[in-house]
């Protein structure tokens, strides 16, 4: 489980184009952002996403509750980094459901979290090198992309699975 920030200002990344040409991408420079909290099963490719305008202990807690309700019949292990809003989970304000177990990664080791590879793929495929008129256009694009990913278990499994 992890979250990612998606900025309205486009990020340029590698792209194919004819030699000796430059690709120009318009920008907004508004600083507006969208966030996605996600959880994946590297074994099956199942995924759960929550699109939100902020990430804090309450939104992470809501995500964990939603995940718990969607997978009531399973014993779920959530791999988390040590962000303050993750560490707050399990304290008295944010109780953890019985079917959820938290496993914290060592500090400064995001590469051990399988979903980090999915965020990289997601941004390269759906976000980078694109201009978004406004935050609503960005959010709709993100929502559509997440919807497509939900039903693409094979891609998620190939990206997040162990190697």
N, C-alpha and C. Protein backbone atom coordinates (compact mmCIF):
# COMPACT_ATOMS: atom_id res chain seq x y z
N UNK A 1 0.84 -1.17 0.00
CA UNK A 1 0.00 0.00 0.00
C UNK A 1 0.89 1.23 0.00
N UNK A 2 0.49 2.20 -0.79
CA UNK A 2 1.23 3.46 -0.83
C UNK A 2 0.38 4.48 -1.57
N UNK A 3 0.84 5.69 -1.58
CA UNK A 3 0.13 6.75 -2.28
C UNK A 3 1.10 7.43 -3.23
N UNK A 4 0.51 8.13 -4.20
CA UNK A 4 1.32 8.90 -5.14
C UNK A 4 0.64 10.24 -5.40
N UNK A 5 1.46 11.22 -5.64
CA UNK A 5 0.95 12.56 -5.96
C UNK A 5 1.06 12.75 -7.47
N UNK A 6 -0.01 13.29 -8.05
CA UNK A 6 -0.04 13.54 -9.48
C UNK A 6 -0.28 15.03 -9.67
N UNK A 7 0.67 15.69 -10.30
CA UNK A 7 0.62 17.15 -10.42
C UNK A 7 -0.02 17.57 -11.74
N UNK A 8 -0.71 18.70 -11.68
CA UNK A 8 -1.34 19.25 -12.88
C UNK A 8 -0.28 19.67 -13.90
N UNK A 9 0.85 20.17 -13.42
CA UNK A 9 1.94 20.55 -14.32
C UNK A 9 2.53 19.27 -14.92
N UNK A 10 2.65 19.20 -16.23
CA UNK A 10 3.11 17.95 -16.85
C UNK A 10 4.58 17.67 -16.56
N UNK A 11 4.87 16.40 -16.41
CA UNK A 11 6.25 15.96 -16.26
C UNK A 11 6.66 15.36 -17.60
N UNK A 12 7.81 15.78 -18.07
CA UNK A 12 8.28 15.21 -19.33
C UNK A 12 9.12 13.97 -19.03
N UNK A 13 8.96 12.99 -19.87
CA UNK A 13 9.77 11.78 -19.75
C UNK A 13 10.11 11.32 -21.16
N UNK A 14 10.79 10.21 -21.27
CA UNK A 14 11.22 9.75 -22.59
C UNK A 14 10.01 9.57 -23.50
N UNK A 15 10.23 9.82 -24.77
CA UNK A 15 9.15 9.75 -25.75
C UNK A 15 9.78 9.55 -27.13
N UNK A 16 9.05 8.91 -28.03
CA UNK A 16 9.53 8.73 -29.39
C UNK A 16 9.09 9.90 -30.25
N UNK A 17 10.02 10.42 -31.03
CA UNK A 17 9.69 11.49 -31.98
C UNK A 17 10.78 11.51 -33.06
N UNK A 18 10.50 12.16 -34.18
CA UNK A 18 11.51 12.21 -35.25
C UNK A 18 12.80 12.87 -34.77
N UNK A 19 13.90 12.50 -35.39
CA UNK A 19 15.19 13.07 -35.04
C UNK A 19 15.20 14.57 -35.28
N UNK A 20 15.97 15.26 -34.46
CA UNK A 20 16.13 16.72 -34.56
C UNK A 20 14.83 17.50 -34.40
N UNK A 21 13.90 16.96 -33.64
CA UNK A 21 12.67 17.69 -33.33
C UNK A 21 12.50 17.75 -31.81
N UNK A 22 11.79 18.75 -31.37
CA UNK A 22 11.52 18.90 -29.93
C UNK A 22 10.02 18.85 -29.71
N UNK A 23 9.64 18.23 -28.64
CA UNK A 23 8.23 18.17 -28.30
C UNK A 23 7.95 19.26 -27.28
N UNK A 24 7.02 20.13 -27.58
CA UNK A 24 6.63 21.19 -26.66
C UNK A 24 5.34 20.79 -25.97
N UNK A 25 5.33 20.95 -24.65
CA UNK A 25 4.14 20.63 -23.87
C UNK A 25 3.73 21.88 -23.10
N UNK A 26 2.49 22.30 -23.30
CA UNK A 26 1.99 23.46 -22.57
C UNK A 26 1.94 23.12 -21.07
N UNK A 27 2.03 24.16 -20.24
CA UNK A 27 1.93 23.96 -18.80
C UNK A 27 0.99 24.98 -18.18
N UNK A 28 0.53 24.67 -16.98
CA UNK A 28 -0.34 25.56 -16.23
C UNK A 28 0.38 26.28 -15.10
N UNK A 29 1.36 25.64 -14.51
CA UNK A 29 2.08 26.16 -13.35
C UNK A 29 1.14 26.55 -12.22
N UNK A 30 0.10 25.76 -12.01
CA UNK A 30 -0.87 26.09 -10.97
C UNK A 30 -0.52 25.46 -9.63
N UNK A 31 0.28 24.40 -9.64
CA UNK A 31 0.64 23.74 -8.39
C UNK A 31 -0.46 22.83 -7.85
N UNK A 32 -1.55 22.66 -8.58
CA UNK A 32 -2.63 21.81 -8.10
C UNK A 32 -2.25 20.34 -8.25
N UNK A 33 -2.73 19.52 -7.31
CA UNK A 33 -2.37 18.10 -7.31
C UNK A 33 -3.58 17.22 -7.03
N UNK A 34 -3.44 15.98 -7.38
CA UNK A 34 -4.40 14.93 -7.08
C UNK A 34 -3.58 13.80 -6.44
N UNK A 35 -4.19 13.00 -5.62
CA UNK A 35 -3.49 11.90 -4.97
C UNK A 35 -4.25 10.60 -5.20
N UNK A 36 -3.51 9.51 -5.21
CA UNK A 36 -4.12 8.19 -5.28
C UNK A 36 -3.46 7.34 -4.21
N UNK A 37 -4.29 6.71 -3.38
CA UNK A 37 -3.81 5.71 -2.43
C UNK A 37 -4.16 4.37 -3.05
N UNK A 38 -3.22 3.45 -3.05
CA UNK A 38 -3.49 2.17 -3.70
C UNK A 38 -2.90 1.00 -2.96
N UNK A 39 -3.50 -0.13 -3.19
CA UNK A 39 -3.00 -1.38 -2.66
C UNK A 39 -3.12 -2.44 -3.75
N UNK A 40 -2.12 -3.28 -3.86
CA UNK A 40 -2.15 -4.34 -4.88
C UNK A 40 -1.74 -5.66 -4.25
N UNK A 41 -2.20 -6.73 -4.86
CA UNK A 41 -1.73 -8.06 -4.52
C UNK A 41 -0.76 -8.48 -5.61
N UNK A 42 0.54 -8.52 -5.32
CA UNK A 42 1.50 -8.92 -6.35
C UNK A 42 1.25 -10.34 -6.87
N UNK A 43 0.63 -11.16 -6.05
CA UNK A 43 0.38 -12.55 -6.43
C UNK A 43 -0.76 -12.69 -7.43
N UNK A 44 -1.86 -11.93 -7.22
CA UNK A 44 -3.04 -12.09 -8.07
C UNK A 44 -3.26 -10.93 -9.03
N UNK A 45 -2.68 -9.77 -8.74
CA UNK A 45 -2.92 -8.59 -9.55
C UNK A 45 -4.15 -7.81 -9.15
N UNK A 46 -4.86 -8.28 -8.11
CA UNK A 46 -6.01 -7.52 -7.60
C UNK A 46 -5.53 -6.18 -7.07
N UNK A 47 -6.39 -5.17 -7.18
CA UNK A 47 -5.99 -3.84 -6.73
C UNK A 47 -7.18 -3.07 -6.17
N UNK A 48 -6.86 -2.12 -5.30
CA UNK A 48 -7.85 -1.21 -4.73
C UNK A 48 -7.23 0.18 -4.77
N UNK A 49 -8.00 1.17 -5.22
CA UNK A 49 -7.49 2.54 -5.30
C UNK A 49 -8.49 3.51 -4.67
N UNK A 50 -7.96 4.57 -4.10
CA UNK A 50 -8.78 5.66 -3.58
C UNK A 50 -8.18 6.96 -4.09
N UNK A 51 -8.94 7.67 -4.90
CA UNK A 51 -8.50 8.96 -5.44
C UNK A 51 -8.96 10.03 -4.47
N UNK A 52 -8.06 10.94 -4.09
CA UNK A 52 -8.37 11.94 -3.08
C UNK A 52 -7.62 13.23 -3.35
N UNK A 53 -8.05 14.31 -2.72
CA UNK A 53 -7.36 15.59 -2.91
C UNK A 53 -6.30 15.84 -1.84
N UNK A 54 -6.20 14.95 -0.85
CA UNK A 54 -5.15 15.07 0.17
C UNK A 54 -4.87 13.70 0.76
N UNK A 55 -3.70 13.57 1.36
CA UNK A 55 -3.35 12.34 2.05
C UNK A 55 -2.99 12.70 3.48
N UNK A 56 -3.72 12.14 4.41
CA UNK A 56 -3.43 12.30 5.83
C UNK A 56 -3.86 11.02 6.54
N UNK A 57 -3.74 11.01 7.86
CA UNK A 57 -4.08 9.80 8.63
C UNK A 57 -5.52 9.37 8.41
N UNK A 58 -6.42 10.33 8.28
CA UNK A 58 -7.84 9.99 8.10
C UNK A 58 -8.11 9.35 6.74
N UNK A 59 -7.51 9.87 5.68
CA UNK A 59 -7.75 9.27 4.36
C UNK A 59 -7.10 7.89 4.26
N UNK A 60 -5.93 7.72 4.89
CA UNK A 60 -5.29 6.40 4.91
C UNK A 60 -6.16 5.42 5.70
N UNK A 61 -6.71 5.88 6.81
CA UNK A 61 -7.59 5.03 7.62
C UNK A 61 -8.83 4.64 6.83
N UNK A 62 -9.40 5.57 6.08
CA UNK A 62 -10.57 5.27 5.24
C UNK A 62 -10.21 4.22 4.19
N UNK A 63 -9.04 4.38 3.58
CA UNK A 63 -8.60 3.41 2.59
C UNK A 63 -8.48 2.01 3.21
N UNK A 64 -7.88 1.94 4.40
CA UNK A 64 -7.70 0.65 5.07
C UNK A 64 -9.05 0.04 5.42
N UNK A 65 -9.99 0.85 5.88
CA UNK A 65 -11.34 0.34 6.19
C UNK A 65 -12.02 -0.20 4.92
N UNK A 66 -11.91 0.55 3.82
CA UNK A 66 -12.50 0.10 2.55
C UNK A 66 -11.87 -1.21 2.08
N UNK A 67 -10.56 -1.29 2.19
CA UNK A 67 -9.85 -2.51 1.80
C UNK A 67 -10.33 -3.69 2.65
N UNK A 68 -10.44 -3.47 3.95
CA UNK A 68 -10.90 -4.51 4.86
C UNK A 68 -12.29 -5.00 4.48
N UNK A 69 -13.19 -4.07 4.17
CA UNK A 69 -14.57 -4.45 3.82
C UNK A 69 -14.62 -5.20 2.49
N UNK A 70 -13.75 -4.84 1.54
CA UNK A 70 -13.73 -5.52 0.24
C UNK A 70 -13.13 -6.92 0.32
N UNK A 71 -12.28 -7.16 1.32
CA UNK A 71 -11.60 -8.45 1.44
C UNK A 71 -11.80 -9.03 2.84
N UNK A 72 -13.07 -9.08 3.28
CA UNK A 72 -13.41 -9.56 4.62
C UNK A 72 -12.99 -11.01 4.86
N UNK A 73 -13.05 -11.84 3.84
CA UNK A 73 -12.77 -13.27 3.99
C UNK A 73 -11.29 -13.60 3.92
N UNK A 74 -10.45 -12.58 3.84
CA UNK A 74 -9.01 -12.80 3.70
C UNK A 74 -8.25 -12.20 4.87
N UNK A 75 -7.08 -12.76 5.14
CA UNK A 75 -6.14 -12.17 6.09
C UNK A 75 -5.19 -11.33 5.24
N UNK A 76 -5.29 -10.02 5.33
CA UNK A 76 -4.56 -9.10 4.45
C UNK A 76 -3.31 -8.54 5.12
N UNK A 77 -2.22 -8.51 4.40
CA UNK A 77 -0.98 -7.90 4.88
C UNK A 77 -0.73 -6.65 4.05
N UNK A 78 -0.65 -5.51 4.72
CA UNK A 78 -0.35 -4.25 4.04
C UNK A 78 1.10 -3.88 4.29
N UNK A 79 1.85 -3.70 3.21
CA UNK A 79 3.24 -3.26 3.31
C UNK A 79 3.22 -1.74 3.22
N UNK A 80 3.79 -1.08 4.24
CA UNK A 80 3.75 0.38 4.33
C UNK A 80 5.14 0.95 4.54
N UNK A 81 5.34 2.18 4.07
CA UNK A 81 6.56 2.88 4.44
C UNK A 81 6.32 3.58 5.78
N UNK A 82 7.26 4.38 6.21
CA UNK A 82 7.17 4.99 7.53
C UNK A 82 6.67 6.43 7.51
N UNK A 83 5.84 6.77 6.52
CA UNK A 83 5.24 8.11 6.50
C UNK A 83 4.42 8.29 7.77
N UNK A 84 4.37 9.52 8.27
CA UNK A 84 3.70 9.77 9.55
C UNK A 84 2.24 9.32 9.53
N UNK A 85 1.56 9.49 8.41
CA UNK A 85 0.15 9.09 8.34
C UNK A 85 -0.01 7.58 8.24
N UNK A 86 1.06 6.84 7.93
CA UNK A 86 1.00 5.39 7.99
C UNK A 86 1.25 4.91 9.41
N UNK A 87 2.23 5.52 10.06
CA UNK A 87 2.60 5.11 11.42
C UNK A 87 1.46 5.38 12.40
N UNK A 88 0.62 6.38 12.12
CA UNK A 88 -0.51 6.70 13.00
C UNK A 88 -1.55 5.58 13.01
N UNK A 89 -1.55 4.74 11.98
CA UNK A 89 -2.54 3.66 11.91
C UNK A 89 -2.26 2.67 13.04
N UNK A 90 -3.32 2.20 13.67
CA UNK A 90 -3.18 1.27 14.77
C UNK A 90 -3.19 1.95 16.12
N UNK A 91 -3.01 3.26 16.13
CA UNK A 91 -3.13 4.01 17.38
C UNK A 91 -4.62 4.12 17.70
N UNK A 92 -4.97 4.63 18.89
CA UNK A 92 -6.38 4.60 19.29
C UNK A 92 -7.31 5.40 18.38
N UNK A 93 -6.83 6.45 17.74
CA UNK A 93 -7.68 7.22 16.83
C UNK A 93 -7.95 6.50 15.51
N UNK A 94 -7.05 5.59 15.14
CA UNK A 94 -7.16 4.90 13.86
C UNK A 94 -6.98 3.39 14.05
N UNK A 95 -8.01 2.71 14.59
CA UNK A 95 -7.88 1.27 14.83
C UNK A 95 -7.80 0.49 13.52
N UNK A 96 -7.11 -0.62 13.57
CA UNK A 96 -6.93 -1.47 12.39
C UNK A 96 -7.94 -2.62 12.46
N UNK A 97 -8.64 -2.88 11.36
CA UNK A 97 -9.58 -4.02 11.34
C UNK A 97 -8.84 -5.34 11.59
N UNK A 98 -9.56 -6.32 12.09
CA UNK A 98 -8.95 -7.60 12.47
C UNK A 98 -8.36 -8.36 11.29
N UNK A 99 -8.88 -8.14 10.10
CA UNK A 99 -8.36 -8.88 8.94
C UNK A 99 -7.22 -8.15 8.22
N UNK A 100 -6.68 -7.11 8.84
CA UNK A 100 -5.57 -6.34 8.27
C UNK A 100 -4.36 -6.43 9.20
N UNK A 101 -3.22 -6.78 8.64
CA UNK A 101 -1.95 -6.77 9.38
C UNK A 101 -1.01 -5.80 8.69
N UNK A 102 -0.37 -4.94 9.48
CA UNK A 102 0.53 -3.93 8.92
C UNK A 102 1.97 -4.42 9.00
N UNK A 103 2.70 -4.28 7.92
CA UNK A 103 4.12 -4.63 7.86
C UNK A 103 4.86 -3.39 7.38
N UNK A 104 5.66 -2.80 8.26
CA UNK A 104 6.37 -1.56 7.91
C UNK A 104 7.73 -1.88 7.29
N UNK A 105 8.02 -1.19 6.21
CA UNK A 105 9.31 -1.32 5.54
C UNK A 105 10.39 -0.60 6.33
N UNK A 106 11.65 -0.98 6.14
CA UNK A 106 12.73 -0.20 6.75
C UNK A 106 12.71 1.22 6.20
N UNK A 107 13.20 2.15 6.98
CA UNK A 107 13.24 3.55 6.56
C UNK A 107 14.03 3.71 5.26
N UNK A 108 13.56 4.60 4.40
CA UNK A 108 14.21 4.94 3.13
C UNK A 108 14.40 3.74 2.21
N UNK A 109 13.39 2.90 2.10
CA UNK A 109 13.51 1.76 1.20
C UNK A 109 12.24 1.56 0.37
N UNK A 110 11.81 2.60 -0.35
CA UNK A 110 10.59 2.47 -1.14
C UNK A 110 10.69 1.41 -2.24
N UNK A 111 11.91 1.09 -2.65
CA UNK A 111 12.09 0.10 -3.71
C UNK A 111 11.61 -1.29 -3.29
N UNK A 112 11.42 -1.50 -1.98
CA UNK A 112 10.93 -2.79 -1.49
C UNK A 112 9.41 -2.90 -1.57
N UNK A 113 8.74 -1.80 -1.84
CA UNK A 113 7.28 -1.81 -1.91
C UNK A 113 6.84 -2.05 -3.36
N UNK A 114 6.16 -3.17 -3.64
CA UNK A 114 5.79 -3.51 -5.02
C UNK A 114 4.98 -2.44 -5.74
N UNK A 115 4.16 -1.68 -5.03
CA UNK A 115 3.29 -0.71 -5.70
C UNK A 115 4.07 0.47 -6.28
N UNK A 116 5.29 0.69 -5.80
CA UNK A 116 6.10 1.79 -6.35
C UNK A 116 6.33 1.60 -7.84
N UNK A 117 6.50 0.34 -8.27
CA UNK A 117 6.69 0.06 -9.70
C UNK A 117 5.41 0.36 -10.49
N UNK A 118 4.26 0.12 -9.85
CA UNK A 118 2.99 0.43 -10.52
C UNK A 118 2.82 1.93 -10.68
N UNK A 119 3.19 2.73 -9.67
CA UNK A 119 3.07 4.19 -9.79
C UNK A 119 3.93 4.70 -10.94
N UNK A 120 5.14 4.15 -11.09
CA UNK A 120 6.02 4.57 -12.18
C UNK A 120 5.37 4.25 -13.53
N UNK A 121 4.88 3.04 -13.68
CA UNK A 121 4.19 2.64 -14.91
C UNK A 121 2.98 3.53 -15.17
N UNK A 122 2.18 3.75 -14.14
CA UNK A 122 0.95 4.54 -14.25
C UNK A 122 1.23 5.94 -14.76
N UNK A 123 2.22 6.60 -14.18
CA UNK A 123 2.54 7.97 -14.59
C UNK A 123 3.12 8.01 -16.00
N UNK A 124 3.99 7.06 -16.33
CA UNK A 124 4.58 7.05 -17.67
C UNK A 124 3.52 6.79 -18.74
N UNK A 125 2.60 5.90 -18.46
CA UNK A 125 1.60 5.52 -19.47
C UNK A 125 0.45 6.52 -19.59
N UNK A 126 0.01 7.10 -18.47
CA UNK A 126 -1.21 7.90 -18.50
C UNK A 126 -1.03 9.39 -18.21
N UNK A 127 0.07 9.80 -17.60
CA UNK A 127 0.17 11.18 -17.11
C UNK A 127 1.29 11.98 -17.79
N UNK A 128 2.48 11.43 -17.83
CA UNK A 128 3.63 12.19 -18.35
C UNK A 128 3.43 12.63 -19.79
N UNK A 129 4.04 13.76 -20.15
CA UNK A 129 4.03 14.30 -21.51
C UNK A 129 2.63 14.71 -21.99
N UNK A 130 1.74 14.99 -21.06
CA UNK A 130 0.38 15.39 -21.44
C UNK A 130 0.03 16.72 -20.77
N UNK A 131 -0.78 17.50 -21.47
CA UNK A 131 -1.26 18.76 -20.92
C UNK A 131 -2.70 18.57 -20.43
N UNK A 132 -2.97 19.04 -19.23
CA UNK A 132 -4.31 18.99 -18.66
C UNK A 132 -4.81 20.42 -18.48
N UNK A 133 -5.97 20.71 -19.04
CA UNK A 133 -6.53 22.06 -18.98
C UNK A 133 -6.71 22.56 -17.55
N UNK A 134 -7.19 21.66 -16.68
CA UNK A 134 -7.46 22.04 -15.29
C UNK A 134 -7.43 20.79 -14.42
N UNK A 135 -7.62 20.98 -13.14
CA UNK A 135 -7.54 19.87 -12.19
C UNK A 135 -8.64 18.84 -12.45
N UNK A 136 -9.78 19.28 -12.95
CA UNK A 136 -10.88 18.34 -13.23
C UNK A 136 -10.54 17.43 -14.40
N UNK A 137 -9.88 17.98 -15.40
CA UNK A 137 -9.42 17.18 -16.54
C UNK A 137 -8.40 16.14 -16.06
N UNK A 138 -7.47 16.55 -15.20
CA UNK A 138 -6.48 15.63 -14.64
C UNK A 138 -7.18 14.53 -13.84
N UNK A 139 -8.09 14.92 -12.96
CA UNK A 139 -8.78 13.93 -12.11
C UNK A 139 -9.59 12.94 -12.94
N UNK A 140 -10.24 13.41 -13.99
CA UNK A 140 -11.00 12.50 -14.85
C UNK A 140 -10.07 11.52 -15.57
N UNK A 141 -8.93 12.02 -16.03
CA UNK A 141 -7.95 11.15 -16.69
C UNK A 141 -7.43 10.10 -15.72
N UNK A 142 -7.10 10.53 -14.51
CA UNK A 142 -6.61 9.60 -13.47
C UNK A 142 -7.69 8.57 -13.16
N UNK A 143 -8.92 9.02 -12.99
CA UNK A 143 -10.02 8.11 -12.67
C UNK A 143 -10.21 7.06 -13.77
N UNK A 144 -10.20 7.49 -15.02
CA UNK A 144 -10.35 6.56 -16.14
C UNK A 144 -9.19 5.55 -16.19
N UNK A 145 -7.98 6.04 -15.97
CA UNK A 145 -6.81 5.16 -15.99
C UNK A 145 -6.87 4.14 -14.86
N UNK A 146 -7.27 4.58 -13.66
CA UNK A 146 -7.40 3.65 -12.53
C UNK A 146 -8.47 2.60 -12.81
N UNK A 147 -9.56 3.03 -13.41
CA UNK A 147 -10.64 2.09 -13.75
C UNK A 147 -10.11 1.02 -14.71
N UNK A 148 -9.32 1.42 -15.70
CA UNK A 148 -8.74 0.45 -16.63
C UNK A 148 -7.78 -0.49 -15.92
N UNK A 149 -6.98 0.03 -14.99
CA UNK A 149 -6.03 -0.81 -14.27
C UNK A 149 -6.72 -1.83 -13.38
N UNK A 150 -7.86 -1.46 -12.78
CA UNK A 150 -8.58 -2.38 -11.90
C UNK A 150 -8.89 -3.69 -12.59
N UNK A 151 -9.15 -3.63 -13.88
CA UNK A 151 -9.53 -4.83 -14.63
C UNK A 151 -8.38 -5.43 -15.42
N UNK A 152 -7.18 -4.96 -15.16
CA UNK A 152 -6.01 -5.46 -15.87
C UNK A 152 -5.06 -6.14 -14.89
N UNK A 153 -5.55 -7.21 -14.28
CA UNK A 153 -4.77 -7.92 -13.26
C UNK A 153 -3.45 -8.47 -13.80
N UNK A 154 -3.43 -8.88 -15.05
CA UNK A 154 -2.20 -9.43 -15.62
C UNK A 154 -1.09 -8.38 -15.68
N UNK A 155 -1.44 -7.16 -16.07
CA UNK A 155 -0.44 -6.09 -16.12
C UNK A 155 0.06 -5.78 -14.72
N UNK A 156 -0.85 -5.64 -13.77
CA UNK A 156 -0.45 -5.33 -12.39
C UNK A 156 0.43 -6.44 -11.84
N UNK A 157 0.04 -7.69 -12.10
CA UNK A 157 0.83 -8.83 -11.63
C UNK A 157 2.22 -8.83 -12.24
N UNK A 158 2.31 -8.50 -13.53
CA UNK A 158 3.63 -8.50 -14.18
C UNK A 158 4.50 -7.35 -13.68
N UNK A 159 3.89 -6.22 -13.31
CA UNK A 159 4.66 -5.07 -12.82
C UNK A 159 5.04 -5.24 -11.35
N UNK A 160 4.09 -5.68 -10.53
CA UNK A 160 4.28 -5.71 -9.08
C UNK A 160 4.72 -7.06 -8.55
N UNK A 161 4.63 -8.11 -9.37
CA UNK A 161 5.00 -9.43 -8.90
C UNK A 161 6.48 -9.53 -8.58
N UNK A 162 6.82 -10.54 -7.82
CA UNK A 162 8.22 -10.71 -7.44
C UNK A 162 9.03 -11.14 -8.65
N UNK A 163 10.28 -10.78 -8.63
CA UNK A 163 11.16 -11.14 -9.74
C UNK A 163 12.46 -11.67 -9.21
